[in-house]
Amino acid sequence: MAAFCRGRYRWKRTNCSQFVTRNLTGTFEYHLVVIGGGSGGLACSKEAAQLGQKVAVLDYVEPSVKGTKWGIGGTCVNVGCIPKKLMHQAALLGTALNDAQKYGWEIHGPISHNWRTMAEAVQNHVRSLNWGHRVQLQDKKVKYLNVKGSLVDEHTVKCLSKAGKEETLTAKNIVIATGGRPKYPTHVPGAIEHGITSDDLFWLKETPGKTLVVGASYVALECAGFLTGIGLDTTVMVRSIPLRGFDQQMAGLVTDYMEAYGTKFCWRSVPKSVAKLSSGALQVTWTDTQTGQDKQDTFDSVLWAVGRVPETKSLNLENVGVQLNQESGKIFVGADESTSVPNIYAFGDVGEGRPELTPTAIKAGKLLARRLAGQTSELMNYDSVPTTVFTPLEYGCVGLAEEEAERRYGKDSIEVYHAFYKPLEFTVSERDASRCYIKVVCERSGDQKILGLHFTGPNAGEVTQGFAMGFRCGATLTHLKETVGIHPTCAEELTKVNISKRSGLDPTVTGC
């Protein structure tokens, strides 16, 4: 029922013949309506509800081109971080089984991997997370609506259900946290008809078999890494450079290790077409951009990992006045996540210039909810966010890449300390440690403030997370050297780094 208040009213009639009223002086059905039930949207909605706000969250997943669909929780929970890390763990276990024999474990018979068993376990875990999110929303009194949302104006959201039923919600503030989806190279014949994306890979019931991964982002390399790790013939097609935006020396170590690990690479190549043969195999034609020659091979699956696009097209943003970057499709946002329209906010992957990382979306969402509730004025700090690439040789980093530090400060104004080290766990199993490397980029003068820290090796995420706090506190090289290491760990090697690139000395760590 409509709530009646003194003042002027605007009336809207929905297709359901229900009246929605709004007092233009500030009385609405909700304090906050969040469009998008991913990690950021859920964090924002739950935080707002805990602060006494009346909140609704709208979430609807359009099936992928291949028909894959999932529950609440967004990319991270369903087709990103969580299933990726679990499948990465499956690959690590395969490596550990090979190592185990050197450590005295007697393993009889050949080791093989069953995709169906892994996929079923991963998918069941994801479904449990979907259920958990719904329970949490209910417990925190957040209204959850499995509907599509689009904007009518700065205070009104139109909801469309699966059955085509429409209704409108009014809110003092509206938050857009719809994230993004993988894109297809539509200019490549057969790409859409015969290819899949990360939206499909984690929900396959059967093994993808011999797989071509097109792209060199962290998504591409992580997927290729665990596919190789569970024993599948995997090839990565790289147009230009791997891990664009990351330190390129570190990126080279990651791909070098992957090649040694068994992943094949087609460097400087672009796909030309994908055709399905009568046998069911996919014939891929590509061009080697260095020679100009066309090449062909057949695969069971082609996985496109060539970037993501924000989910903004169906939100009616431009008609309401929300300004977008026409090239990227992302929303221009201010430091406080505000858009060009008052009372409409956006954060996460849909925000122009924002890192596409789950933890930043979660933190930004919580801070936004607190600001809107009048609890704080604190803004999200997007500088130097730590992250890890979960490739076979993991790569963790925080701060500036060496190239970016040179660009900002000048080559003569930075000092780069580095070390090649050998993880103790690699010794008995005689694993290749030649790409296990540490790099600490510092200011050259004064206390040598740390500008960037990079690490390849086991458990890179756990290592980097700890040092990220010190980085946030303004750590210097002296602080790092004064820190007592935990022996014998890989992280300990960071506290011992002392050889600069400028010195030209061998940075290989010897001894224990």
Foldseek 3Di string as FASTA:
>chain_A
DEDDDDADWDWDAFPVRDIYIDHPVDDFPWQEEEEAQALLSLLLQLLLLVLVTAYEYEAADDADLVRFDDAGHPCCLQLHVQLLVLLLVVLVVLVVVLLVVLVPDDDDDDDADFPLVSLVVSNVVSVVVRVVSVVSCVVSNYHYHHFHWADPAQFKIWTAHPVGGIDMGGHLFYEYEHAWDADWPVQAAPGSVAAAESSPQSNDNHDLAQEEEEEQALRSQSVQQSCVSNPGNYEYEYQAAHHPPAQRVLSVLLVVVSVVSRYHYLYNKDWHYWDADPVRWIKTWIARVVVRDIDIDTGSHYYYDHDIAGPDPPRCQVVNPFDADVVRRAGEADQLQDTPHPSYGYDANRYPPADNDSVQSSVSSSVNSCVSSVNDPDTRDRAFDWDWRSGNFIKIKTADHPVVCCVVQNPVQKWKWKAQEDFPSCPSSVDDRRSFMWIWIFGPDDQGFTGMIMTTHPPRVVLRVVVSVVNVVGDHLVNLLPDQADPPGSSSVSNVTDDTVVVVDHRYDDDD
